[in-house]
């Protein structure tokens, strides 16, 4: 078993993970609700960075519906971020490291 090669492979995977994480932090995805009345923007890591509410969604007599629309839009955006993270990180999380079961004998 080539420990030096394994170490190099582990370091390369760590670098790829860091690059993928940075890319997720710099990518903005959006989600919407109410036919586009509310749009939420989140980073690929799920941090909320923007919220657009069209004036017709803001009925002072019905703030509960607006709150529901905001929650749904944020949820939709976070789902998009989760999907993006799976696409970016999934191949890296799959491994690539050899079986270490026989490392010590």
PDB file of N, CA and C in Angstrom:
ATOM      1  N   UNK A   1       0.852  -1.179   0.000  1.00  0.00           N
ATOM      2  CA  UNK A   1       0.000   0.000   0.000  1.00  0.00           C
ATOM      3  C   UNK A   1       0.896   1.239   0.000  1.00  0.00           C
ATOM      4  N   UNK A   2       0.635   2.170  -0.865  1.00  0.00           N
ATOM      5  CA  UNK A   2       1.433   3.376  -1.035  1.00  0.00           C
ATOM      6  C   UNK A   2       0.854   4.504  -0.170  1.00  0.00           C
ATOM      7  N   UNK A   3       1.404   4.661   1.035  1.00  0.00           N
ATOM      8  CA  UNK A   3       0.891   5.686   1.951  1.00  0.00           C
ATOM      9  C   UNK A   3       1.130   7.087   1.411  1.00  0.00           C
ATOM     10  N   UNK A   4       2.256   7.292   0.745  1.00  0.00           N
ATOM     11  CA  UNK A   4       2.560   8.608   0.182  1.00  0.00           C
ATOM     12  C   UNK A   4       1.518   8.975  -0.885  1.00  0.00           C
ATOM     13  N   UNK A   5       1.179   8.001  -1.720  1.00  0.00           N
ATOM     14  CA  UNK A   5       0.159   8.232  -2.745  1.00  0.00           C
ATOM     15  C   UNK A   5      -1.200   8.510  -2.139  1.00  0.00           C
ATOM     16  N   UNK A   6      -1.526   7.774  -1.072  1.00  0.00           N
ATOM     17  CA  UNK A   6      -2.808   7.992  -0.395  1.00  0.00           C
ATOM     18  C   UNK A   6      -2.867   9.380   0.219  1.00  0.00           C
ATOM     19  N   UNK A   7      -1.751   9.814   0.805  1.00  0.00           N
ATOM     20  CA  UNK A   7      -1.700  11.146   1.403  1.00  0.00           C
ATOM     21  C   UNK A   7      -1.887  12.210   0.328  1.00  0.00           C
ATOM     22  N   UNK A   8      -1.219  12.023  -0.791  1.00  0.00           N
ATOM     23  CA  UNK A   8      -1.374  12.968  -1.896  1.00  0.00           C
ATOM     24  C   UNK A   8      -2.802  13.017  -2.399  1.00  0.00           C
ATOM     25  N   UNK A   9      -3.429  11.854  -2.495  1.00  0.00           N
ATOM     26  CA  UNK A   9      -4.815  11.780  -2.952  1.00  0.00           C
ATOM     27  C   UNK A   9      -5.743  12.467  -1.950  1.00  0.00           C
ATOM     28  N   UNK A  10      -5.492  12.261  -0.666  1.00  0.00           N
ATOM     29  CA  UNK A  10      -6.313  12.895   0.372  1.00  0.00           C
ATOM     30  C   UNK A  10      -6.169  14.412   0.316  1.00  0.00           C
ATOM     31  N   UNK A  11      -4.958  14.888   0.112  1.00  0.00           N
ATOM     32  CA  UNK A  11      -4.733  16.334   0.033  1.00  0.00           C
ATOM     33  C   UNK A  11      -5.419  16.916  -1.206  1.00  0.00           C
ATOM     34  N   UNK A  12      -5.377  16.191  -2.308  1.00  0.00           N
ATOM     35  CA  UNK A  12      -6.035  16.645  -3.529  1.00  0.00           C
ATOM     36  C   UNK A  12      -7.549  16.708  -3.323  1.00  0.00           C
ATOM     37  N   UNK A  13      -8.112  15.699  -2.674  1.00  0.00           N
ATOM     38  CA  UNK A  13      -9.551  15.696  -2.401  1.00  0.00           C
ATOM     39  C   UNK A  13      -9.937  16.853  -1.481  1.00  0.00           C
ATOM     40  N   UNK A  14      -9.090  17.134  -0.493  1.00  0.00           N
ATOM     41  CA  UNK A  14      -9.360  18.240   0.420  1.00  0.00           C
ATOM     42  C   UNK A  14      -9.383  19.561  -0.354  1.00  0.00           C
ATOM     43  N   UNK A  15      -8.441  19.735  -1.264  1.00  0.00           N
ATOM     44  CA  UNK A  15      -8.389  20.950  -2.076  1.00  0.00           C
ATOM     45  C   UNK A  15      -9.637  21.067  -2.952  1.00  0.00           C
ATOM     46  N   UNK A  16     -10.052  19.962  -3.549  1.00  0.00           N
ATOM     47  CA  UNK A  16     -11.252  19.968  -4.386  1.00  0.00           C
ATOM     48  C   UNK A  16     -12.495  20.299  -3.563  1.00  0.00           C
ATOM     49  N   UNK A  17     -12.570  19.780  -2.345  1.00  0.00           N
ATOM     50  CA  UNK A  17     -13.704  20.076  -1.465  1.00  0.00           C
ATOM     51  C   UNK A  17     -13.730  21.563  -1.114  1.00  0.00           C
ATOM     52  N   UNK A  18     -12.562  22.129  -0.812  1.00  0.00           N
ATOM     53  CA  UNK A  18     -12.494  23.551  -0.475  1.00  0.00           C
ATOM     54  C   UNK A  18     -12.910  24.406  -1.671  1.00  0.00           C
ATOM     55  N   UNK A  19     -12.476  24.028  -2.870  1.00  0.00           N
ATOM     56  CA  UNK A  19     -12.851  24.777  -4.065  1.00  0.00           C
ATOM     57  C   UNK A  19     -14.351  24.678  -4.327  1.00  0.00           C
ATOM     58  N   UNK A  20     -14.918  23.497  -4.152  1.00  0.00           N
ATOM     59  CA  UNK A  20     -16.355  23.316  -4.352  1.00  0.00           C
ATOM     60  C   UNK A  20     -17.142  24.125  -3.324  1.00  0.00           C
ATOM     61  N   UNK A  21     -16.684  24.137  -2.077  1.00  0.00           N
ATOM     62  CA  UNK A  21     -17.350  24.905  -1.024  1.00  0.00           C
ATOM     63  C   UNK A  21     -17.308  26.398  -1.347  1.00  0.00           C
ATOM     64  N   UNK A  22     -16.165  26.881  -1.814  1.00  0.00           N
ATOM     65  CA  UNK A  22     -16.029  28.293  -2.182  1.00  0.00           C
ATOM     66  C   UNK A  22     -16.973  28.634  -3.336  1.00  0.00           C
ATOM     67  N   UNK A  23     -17.062  27.733  -4.307  1.00  0.00           N
ATOM     68  CA  UNK A  23     -17.958  27.953  -5.438  1.00  0.00           C
ATOM     69  C   UNK A  23     -19.411  28.029  -4.968  1.00  0.00           C
ATOM     70  N   UNK A  24     -19.783  27.169  -4.030  1.00  0.00           N
ATOM     71  CA  UNK A  24     -21.145  27.211  -3.490  1.00  0.00           C
ATOM     72  C   UNK A  24     -21.413  28.527  -2.775  1.00  0.00           C
ATOM     73  N   UNK A  25     -20.430  29.008  -2.023  1.00  0.00           N
ATOM     74  CA  UNK A  25     -20.605  30.265  -1.292  1.00  0.00           C
ATOM     75  C   UNK A  25     -20.768  31.448  -2.240  1.00  0.00           C
ATOM     76  N   UNK A  26     -20.187  31.347  -3.443  1.00  0.00           N
ATOM     77  CA  UNK A  26     -20.231  32.448  -4.403  1.00  0.00           C
ATOM     78  C   UNK A  26     -21.361  32.333  -5.418  1.00  0.00           C
ATOM     79  N   UNK A  27     -22.128  31.264  -5.361  1.00  0.00           N
ATOM     80  CA  UNK A  27     -23.211  31.045  -6.317  1.00  0.00           C
ATOM     81  C   UNK A  27     -24.545  31.422  -5.677  1.00  0.00           C
ATOM     82  N   UNK A  28     -25.353  32.154  -6.424  1.00  0.00           N
ATOM     83  CA  UNK A  28     -26.677  32.552  -5.947  1.00  0.00           C
ATOM     84  C   UNK A  28     -27.731  31.761  -6.723  1.00  0.00           C
ATOM     85  N   UNK A  29     -28.652  31.144  -5.990  1.00  0.00           N
ATOM     86  CA  UNK A  29     -29.794  30.463  -6.598  1.00  0.00           C
ATOM     87  C   UNK A  29     -31.062  31.101  -6.040  1.00  0.00           C
ATOM     88  N   UNK A  30     -32.159  30.939  -6.753  1.00  0.00           N
ATOM     89  CA  UNK A  30     -33.394  31.564  -6.285  1.00  0.00           C
ATOM     90  C   UNK A  30     -34.541  30.570  -6.290  1.00  0.00           C
ATOM     91  N   UNK A  31     -35.542  30.932  -5.541  1.00  0.00           N
ATOM     92  CA  UNK A  31     -36.778  30.170  -5.477  1.00  0.00           C
ATOM     93  C   UNK A  31     -37.921  31.157  -5.358  1.00  0.00           C
ATOM     94  N   UNK A  32     -39.097  30.742  -5.775  1.00  0.00           N
ATOM     95  CA  UNK A  32     -40.218  31.677  -5.730  1.00  0.00           C
ATOM     96  C   UNK A  32     -41.490  30.970  -5.286  1.00  0.00           C
ATOM     97  N   UNK A  33     -42.484  31.784  -5.003  1.00  0.00           N
ATOM     98  CA  UNK A  33     -43.799  31.266  -4.618  1.00  0.00           C
ATOM     99  C   UNK A  33     -44.860  32.242  -5.098  1.00  0.00           C
ATOM    100  N   UNK A  34     -46.089  31.769  -5.071  1.00  0.00           N
ATOM    101  CA  UNK A  34     -47.198  32.638  -5.466  1.00  0.00           C
ATOM    102  C   UNK A  34     -47.106  33.083  -6.912  1.00  0.00           C
ATOM    103  N   UNK A  35     -46.596  32.212  -7.767  1.00  0.00           N
ATOM    104  CA  UNK A  35     -46.482  32.581  -9.173  1.00  0.00           C
ATOM    105  C   UNK A  35     -45.513  33.723  -9.406  1.00  0.00           C
ATOM    106  N   UNK A  36     -44.499  33.811  -8.558  1.00  0.00           N
ATOM    107  CA  UNK A  36     -43.488  34.854  -8.711  1.00  0.00           C
ATOM    108  C   UNK A  36     -43.741  36.096  -7.871  1.00  0.00           C
ATOM    109  N   UNK A  37     -44.767  36.064  -7.012  1.00  0.00           N
ATOM    110  CA  UNK A  37     -45.027  37.220  -6.149  1.00  0.00           C
ATOM    111  C   UNK A  37     -43.895  37.441  -5.156  1.00  0.00           C
ATOM    112  N   UNK A  38     -43.291  36.341  -4.706  1.00  0.00           N
ATOM    113  CA  UNK A  38     -42.178  36.427  -3.761  1.00  0.00           C
ATOM    114  C   UNK A  38     -41.034  35.583  -4.315  1.00  0.00           C
ATOM    115  N   UNK A  39     -39.843  36.175  -4.353  1.00  0.00           N
ATOM    116  CA  UNK A  39     -38.649  35.468  -4.808  1.00  0.00           C
ATOM    117  C   UNK A  39     -37.571  35.609  -3.748  1.00  0.00           C
ATOM    118  N   UNK A  40     -37.002  34.477  -3.359  1.00  0.00           N
ATOM    119  CA  UNK A  40     -35.910  34.467  -2.383  1.00  0.00           C
ATOM    120  C   UNK A  40     -34.629  34.076  -3.103  1.00  0.00           C
ATOM    121  N   UNK A  41     -33.522  34.690  -2.682  1.00  0.00           N
ATOM    122  CA  UNK A  41     -32.211  34.363  -3.235  1.00  0.00           C
ATOM    123  C   UNK A  41     -31.323  33.885  -2.097  1.00  0.00           C
ATOM    124  N   UNK A  42     -30.672  32.745  -2.322  1.00  0.00           N
ATOM    125  CA  UNK A  42     -29.762  32.189  -1.324  1.00  0.00           C
ATOM    126  C   UNK A  42     -28.458  31.810  -2.008  1.00  0.00           C
ATOM    127  N   UNK A  43     -27.401  31.732  -1.205  1.00  0.00           N
ATOM    128  CA  UNK A  43     -26.143  31.224  -1.731  1.00  0.00           C
ATOM    129  C   UNK A  43     -26.265  29.715  -1.876  1.00  0.00           C
ATOM    130  N   UNK A  44     -25.293  29.127  -2.543  1.00  0.00           N
ATOM    131  CA  UNK A  44     -25.277  27.681  -2.690  1.00  0.00           C
ATOM    132  C   UNK A  44     -25.157  26.952  -1.369  1.00  0.00           C
ATOM    133  N   UNK A  45     -24.754  27.674  -0.319  1.00  0.00           N
ATOM    134  CA  UNK A  45     -24.675  27.076   1.011  1.00  0.00           C
ATOM    135  C   UNK A  45     -25.946  27.314   1.819  1.00  0.00           C
ATOM    136  N   UNK A  46     -26.933  27.998   1.215  1.00  0.00           N
ATOM    137  CA  UNK A  46     -28.228  28.168   1.862  1.00  0.00           C
ATOM    138  C   UNK A  46     -28.427  29.457   2.622  1.00  0.00           C
ATOM    139  N   UNK A  47     -27.459  30.376   2.576  1.00  0.00           N
ATOM    140  CA  UNK A  47     -27.613  31.649   3.281  1.00  0.00           C
ATOM    141  C   UNK A  47     -28.525  32.584   2.485  1.00  0.00           C
ATOM    142  N   UNK A  48     -29.549  33.113   3.137  1.00  0.00           N
ATOM    143  CA  UNK A  48     -30.482  34.032   2.492  1.00  0.00           C
ATOM    144  C   UNK A  48     -29.770  35.357   2.222  1.00  0.00           C
ATOM    145  N   UNK A  49     -29.771  35.794   0.944  1.00  0.00           N
ATOM    146  CA  UNK A  49     -29.087  37.035   0.583  1.00  0.00           C
ATOM    147  C   UNK A  49     -30.012  38.040  -0.091  1.00  0.00           C
ATOM    148  N   UNK A  50     -31.225  37.639  -0.408  1.00  0.00           N
ATOM    149  CA  UNK A  50     -32.142  38.570  -1.049  1.00  0.00           C
ATOM    150  C   UNK A  50     -33.571  38.077  -0.975  1.00  0.00           C
ATOM    151  N   UNK A  51     -34.488  39.029  -0.951  1.00  0.00           N
ATOM    152  CA  UNK A  51     -35.910  38.708  -0.910  1.00  0.00           C
ATOM    153  C   UNK A  51     -36.646  39.794  -1.681  1.00  0.00           C
ATOM    154  N   UNK A  52     -37.308  39.408  -2.750  1.00  0.00           N
ATOM    155  CA  UNK A  52     -38.073  40.350  -3.562  1.00  0.00           C
ATOM    156  C   UNK A  52     -39.556  40.053  -3.384  1.00  0.00           C
ATOM    157  N   UNK A  53     -40.311  41.090  -3.029  1.00  0.00           N
ATOM    158  CA  UNK A  53     -41.755  40.945  -2.827  1.00  0.00           C
ATOM    159  C   UNK A  53     -42.450  41.951  -3.734  1.00  0.00           C
ATOM    160  N   UNK A  54     -43.275  41.449  -4.627  1.00  0.00           N
ATOM    161  CA  UNK A  54     -44.021  42.342  -5.511  1.00  0.00           C
ATOM    162  C   UNK A  54     -45.099  43.049  -4.692  1.00  0.00           C
ATOM    163  N   UNK A  55     -45.379  44.312  -5.011  1.00  0.00           N
ATOM    164  CA  UNK A  55     -46.347  45.089  -4.229  1.00  0.00           C
ATOM    165  C   UNK A  55     -47.704  44.412  -4.074  1.00  0.00           C
ATOM    166  N   UNK A  56     -48.162  43.710  -5.100  1.00  0.00           N
ATOM    167  CA  UNK A  56     -49.484  43.083  -5.007  1.00  0.00           C
ATOM    168  C   UNK A  56     -49.527  41.939  -3.997  1.00  0.00           C
ATOM    169  N   UNK A  57     -48.361  41.495  -3.524  1.00  0.00           N
ATOM    170  CA  UNK A  57     -48.322  40.444  -2.502  1.00  0.00           C
ATOM    171  C   UNK A  57     -48.481  41.017  -1.098  1.00  0.00           C
ATOM    172  N   UNK A  58     -48.313  42.323  -0.964  1.00  0.00           N
ATOM    173  CA  UNK A  58     -48.313  42.960   0.354  1.00  0.00           C
ATOM    174  C   UNK A  58     -49.685  43.550   0.681  1.00  0.00           C
ATOM    175  N   UNK A  59     -50.598  42.698   1.064  1.00  0.00           N
ATOM    176  CA  UNK A  59     -51.937  43.125   1.474  1.00  0.00           C
ATOM    177  C   UNK A  59     -51.920  43.343   2.986  1.00  0.00           C
ATOM    178  N   UNK A  60     -52.079  44.600   3.451  1.00  0.00           N
ATOM    179  CA  UNK A  60     -52.031  44.871   4.888  1.00  0.00           C
ATOM    180  C   UNK A  60     -53.093  44.116   5.680  1.00  0.00           C
ATOM    181  N   UNK A  61     -54.158  43.708   5.011  1.00  0.00           N
ATOM    182  CA  UNK A  61     -55.230  42.976   5.679  1.00  0.00           C
ATOM    183  C   UNK A  61     -54.942  41.477   5.768  1.00  0.00           C
ATOM    184  N   UNK A  62     -53.896  41.016   5.070  1.00  0.00           N
ATOM    185  CA  UNK A  62     -53.620  39.579   5.030  1.00  0.00           C
ATOM    186  C   UNK A  62     -52.112  39.324   5.086  1.00  0.00           C
ATOM    187  N   UNK A  63     -51.515  39.670   6.202  1.00  0.00           N
ATOM    188  CA  UNK A  63     -50.067  39.475   6.345  1.00  0.00           C
ATOM    189  C   UNK A  63     -49.701  38.003   6.490  1.00  0.00           C
ATOM    190  N   UNK A  64     -50.638  37.184   6.920  1.00  0.00           N
ATOM    191  CA  UNK A  64     -50.368  35.755   7.084  1.00  0.00           C
ATOM    192  C   UNK A  64     -50.048  35.095   5.737  1.00  0.00           C
ATOM    193  N   UNK A  65     -50.786  35.473   4.704  1.00  0.00           N
ATOM    194  CA  UNK A  65     -50.512  34.920   3.373  1.00  0.00           C
ATOM    195  C   UNK A  65     -49.140  35.350   2.888  1.00  0.00           C
ATOM    196  N   UNK A  66     -48.788  36.605   3.125  1.00  0.00           N
ATOM    197  CA  UNK A  66     -47.457  37.078   2.733  1.00  0.00           C
ATOM    198  C   UNK A  66     -46.377  36.284   3.458  1.00  0.00           C
ATOM    199  N   UNK A  67     -46.571  36.060   4.741  1.00  0.00           N
ATOM    200  CA  UNK A  67     -45.599  35.275   5.510  1.00  0.00           C
ATOM    201  C   UNK A  67     -45.470  33.868   4.933  1.00  0.00           C
ATOM    202  N   UNK A  68     -46.590  33.260   4.579  1.00  0.00           N
ATOM    203  CA  UNK A  68     -46.558  31.922   3.972  1.00  0.00           C
ATOM    204  C   UNK A  68     -45.812  31.936   2.644  1.00  0.00           C
ATOM    205  N   UNK A  69     -46.026  32.982   1.844  1.00  0.00           N
ATOM    206  CA  UNK A  69     -45.331  33.096   0.560  1.00  0.00           C
ATOM    207  C   UNK A  69     -43.827  33.244   0.749  1.00  0.00           C
ATOM    208  N   UNK A  70     -43.435  34.027   1.748  1.00  0.00           N
ATOM    209  CA  UNK A  70     -42.006  34.204   2.028  1.00  0.00           C
ATOM    210  C   UNK A  70     -41.385  32.875   2.450  1.00  0.00           C
ATOM    211  N   UNK A  71     -42.044  32.183   3.351  1.00  0.00           N
ATOM    212  CA  UNK A  71     -41.528  30.885   3.812  1.00  0.00           C
ATOM    213  C   UNK A  71     -41.401  29.916   2.642  1.00  0.00           C
ATOM    214  N   UNK A  72     -42.411  29.871   1.793  1.00  0.00           N
ATOM    215  CA  UNK A  72     -42.380  28.954   0.649  1.00  0.00           C
ATOM    216  C   UNK A  72     -41.269  29.322  -0.330  1.00  0.00           C
ATOM    217  N   UNK A  73     -41.062  30.609  -0.561  1.00  0.00           N
ATOM    218  CA  UNK A  73     -40.006  31.040  -1.483  1.00  0.00           C
ATOM    219  C   UNK A  73     -38.627  30.706  -0.931  1.00  0.00           C
ATOM    220  N   UNK A  74     -38.428  30.937   0.363  1.00  0.00           N
ATOM    221  CA  UNK A  74     -37.139  30.611   0.984  1.00  0.00           C
ATOM    222  C   UNK A  74     -36.913  29.104   0.940  1.00  0.00           C
ATOM    223  N   UNK A  75     -37.937  28.343   1.226  1.00  0.00           N
ATOM    224  CA  UNK A  75     -37.823  26.881   1.171  1.00  0.00           C
ATOM    225  C   UNK A  75     -37.461  26.429  -0.249  1.00  0.00           C
ATOM    226  N   UNK A  76     -38.106  27.014  -1.242  1.00  0.00           N
ATOM    227  CA  UNK A  76     -37.831  26.665  -2.636  1.00  0.00           C
ATOM    228  C   UNK A  76     -36.385  27.002  -3.004  1.00  0.00           C
ATOM    229  N   UNK A  77     -35.914  28.156  -2.563  1.00  0.00           N
ATOM    230  CA  UNK A  77     -34.534  28.556  -2.847  1.00  0.00           C
ATOM    231  C   UNK A  77     -33.542  27.635  -2.142  1.00  0.00           C
ATOM    232  N   UNK A  78     -33.829  27.285  -0.906  1.00  0.00           N
ATOM    233  CA  UNK A  78     -32.929  26.377  -0.176  1.00  0.00           C
ATOM    234  C   UNK A  78     -32.902  24.994  -0.814  1.00  0.00           C
ATOM    235  N   UNK A  79     -34.040  24.538  -1.327  1.00  0.00           N
ATOM    236  CA  UNK A  79     -34.060  23.258  -2.040  1.00  0.00           C
ATOM    237  C   UNK A  79     -33.165  23.323  -3.272  1.00  0.00           C
ATOM    238  N   UNK A  80     -33.196  24.464  -3.968  1.00  0.00           N
ATOM    239  CA  UNK A  80     -32.321  24.643  -5.128  1.00  0.00           C
ATOM    240  C   UNK A  80     -30.857  24.640  -4.695  1.00  0.00           C
ATOM    241  N   UNK A  81     -30.567  25.257  -3.548  1.00  0.00           N
ATOM    242  CA  UNK A  81     -29.196  25.272  -3.029  1.00  0.00           C
ATOM    243  C   UNK A  81     -28.752  23.865  -2.647  1.00  0.00           C
ATOM    244  N   UNK A  82     -29.638  23.101  -2.033  1.00  0.00           N
ATOM    245  CA  UNK A  82     -29.307  21.715  -1.671  1.00  0.00           C
ATOM    246  C   UNK A  82     -29.018  20.877  -2.909  1.00  0.00           C
ATOM    247  N   UNK A  83     -29.806  21.081  -3.946  1.00  0.00           N
ATOM    248  CA  UNK A  83     -29.586  20.343  -5.192  1.00  0.00           C
ATOM    249  C   UNK A  83     -28.228  20.713  -5.785  1.00  0.00           C
ATOM    250  N   UNK A  84     -27.919  22.004  -5.797  1.00  0.00           N
ATOM    251  CA  UNK A  84     -26.633  22.461  -6.318  1.00  0.00           C
ATOM    252  C   UNK A  84     -25.486  21.884  -5.504  1.00  0.00           C
ATOM    253  N   UNK A  85     -25.622  21.900  -4.188  1.00  0.00           N
ATOM    254  CA  UNK A  85     -24.574  21.348  -3.322  1.00  0.00           C
ATOM    255  C   UNK A  85     -24.376  19.864  -3.596  1.00  0.00           C
ATOM    256  N   UNK A  86     -25.461  19.142  -3.809  1.00  0.00           N
ATOM    257  CA  UNK A  86     -25.350  17.724  -4.131  1.00  0.00           C
ATOM    258  C   UNK A  86     -24.608  17.495  -5.433  1.00  0.00           C
ATOM    259  N   UNK A  87     -24.866  18.364  -6.407  1.00  0.00           N
ATOM    260  CA  UNK A  87     -24.185  18.245  -7.694  1.00  0.00           C
ATOM    261  C   UNK A  87     -22.696  18.558  -7.566  1.00  0.00           C
ATOM    262  N   UNK A  88     -22.360  19.556  -6.763  1.00  0.00           N
ATOM    263  CA  UNK A  88     -20.964  19.980  -6.627  1.00  0.00           C
ATOM    264  C   UNK A  88     -20.175  19.088  -5.680  1.00  0.00           C
ATOM    265  N   UNK A  89     -20.794  18.704  -4.572  1.00  0.00           N
ATOM    266  CA  UNK A  89     -20.072  17.973  -3.538  1.00  0.00           C
ATOM    267  C   UNK A  89     -20.251  16.464  -3.655  1.00  0.00           C
ATOM    268  N   UNK A  90     -21.324  16.024  -4.285  1.00  0.00           N
ATOM    269  CA  UNK A  90     -21.621  14.604  -4.382  1.00  0.00           C
ATOM    270  C   UNK A  90     -20.480  13.760  -4.906  1.00  0.00           C
ATOM    271  N   UNK A  91     -19.898  14.123  -6.058  1.00  0.00           N
ATOM    272  CA  UNK A  91     -18.796  13.313  -6.573  1.00  0.00           C
ATOM    273  C   UNK A  91     -17.604  13.258  -5.617  1.00  0.00           C
ATOM    274  N   UNK A  92     -17.399  14.330  -4.869  1.00  0.00           N
ATOM    275  CA  UNK A  92     -16.278  14.361  -3.926  1.00  0.00           C
ATOM    276  C   UNK A  92     -16.582  13.537  -2.691  1.00  0.00           C
ATOM    277  N   UNK A  93     -17.839  13.540  -2.264  1.00  0.00           N
ATOM    278  CA  UNK A  93     -18.223  12.783  -1.070  1.00  0.00           C
ATOM    279  C   UNK A  93     -18.253  11.288  -1.350  1.00  0.00           C
ATOM    280  N   UNK A  94     -18.329  10.924  -2.623  1.00  0.00           N
ATOM    281  CA  UNK A  94     -18.383   9.523  -2.995  1.00  0.00           C
ATOM    282  C   UNK A  94     -17.119   8.767  -2.681  1.00  0.00           C
ATOM    283  N   UNK A  95     -16.093   9.482  -2.350  1.00  0.00           N
ATOM    284  CA  UNK A  95     -14.870   8.794  -1.958  1.00  0.00           C
ATOM    285  C   UNK A  95     -13.785   8.947  -2.977  1.00  0.00           C
ATOM    286  N   UNK A  96     -13.280   7.814  -3.410  1.00  0.00           N
ATOM    287  CA  UNK A  96     -12.124   7.847  -4.268  1.00  0.00           C
ATOM    288  C   UNK A  96     -10.910   7.366  -3.514  1.00  0.00           C
ATOM    289  N   UNK A  97     -11.048   7.273  -2.208  1.00  0.00           N
ATOM    290  CA  UNK A  97      -9.967   6.743  -1.387  1.00  0.00           C
ATOM    291  C   UNK A  97     -10.059   5.225  -1.408  1.00  0.00           C
ATOM    292  N   UNK A  98      -8.929   4.569  -1.465  1.00  0.00           N
ATOM    293  CA  UNK A  98      -8.959   3.113  -1.455  1.00  0.00           C
ATOM    294  C   UNK A  98      -9.430   2.585  -0.113  1.00  0.00           C
ATOM    295  N   UNK A  99      -9.818   1.327  -0.097  1.00  0.00           N
ATOM    296  CA  UNK A  99     -10.252   0.671   1.133  1.00  0.00           C
ATOM    297  C   UNK A  99      -9.090   0.635   2.112  1.00  0.00           C
ATOM    298  N   UNK A 100      -9.300   1.161   3.296  1.00  0.00           N
ATOM    299  CA  UNK A 100      -8.231   1.209   4.301  1.00  0.00           C
ATOM    300  C   UNK A 100      -8.310   0.046   5.274  1.00  0.00           C
ATOM    301  N   UNK A 101      -9.172  -0.906   4.998  1.00  0.00           N
ATOM    302  CA  UNK A 101      -9.372  -2.032   5.907  1.00  0.00           C
ATOM    303  C   UNK A 101      -8.119  -2.847   6.160  1.00  0.00           C
ATOM    304  N   UNK A 102      -7.223  -2.933   5.206  1.00  0.00           N
ATOM    305  CA  UNK A 102      -6.006  -3.737   5.353  1.00  0.00           C
ATOM    306  C   UNK A 102      -4.781  -2.882   5.649  1.00  0.00           C
ATOM    307  N   UNK A 103      -4.978  -1.665   6.091  1.00  0.00           N
ATOM    308  CA  UNK A 103      -3.865  -0.753   6.321  1.00  0.00           C
ATOM    309  C   UNK A 103      -2.861  -1.301   7.320  1.00  0.00           C
ATOM    310  N   UNK A 104      -3.322  -1.912   8.387  1.00  0.00           N
ATOM    311  CA  UNK A 104      -2.416  -2.384   9.441  1.00  0.00           C
ATOM    312  C   UNK A 104      -2.354  -3.904   9.511  1.00  0.00           C
ATOM    313  N   UNK A 105      -2.605  -4.544   8.432  1.00  0.00           N
ATOM    314  CA  UNK A 105      -2.411  -5.989   8.436  1.00  0.00           C
ATOM    315  C   UNK A 105      -3.573  -6.799   8.120  1.00  0.00           C
TER     316      UNK A 105
END
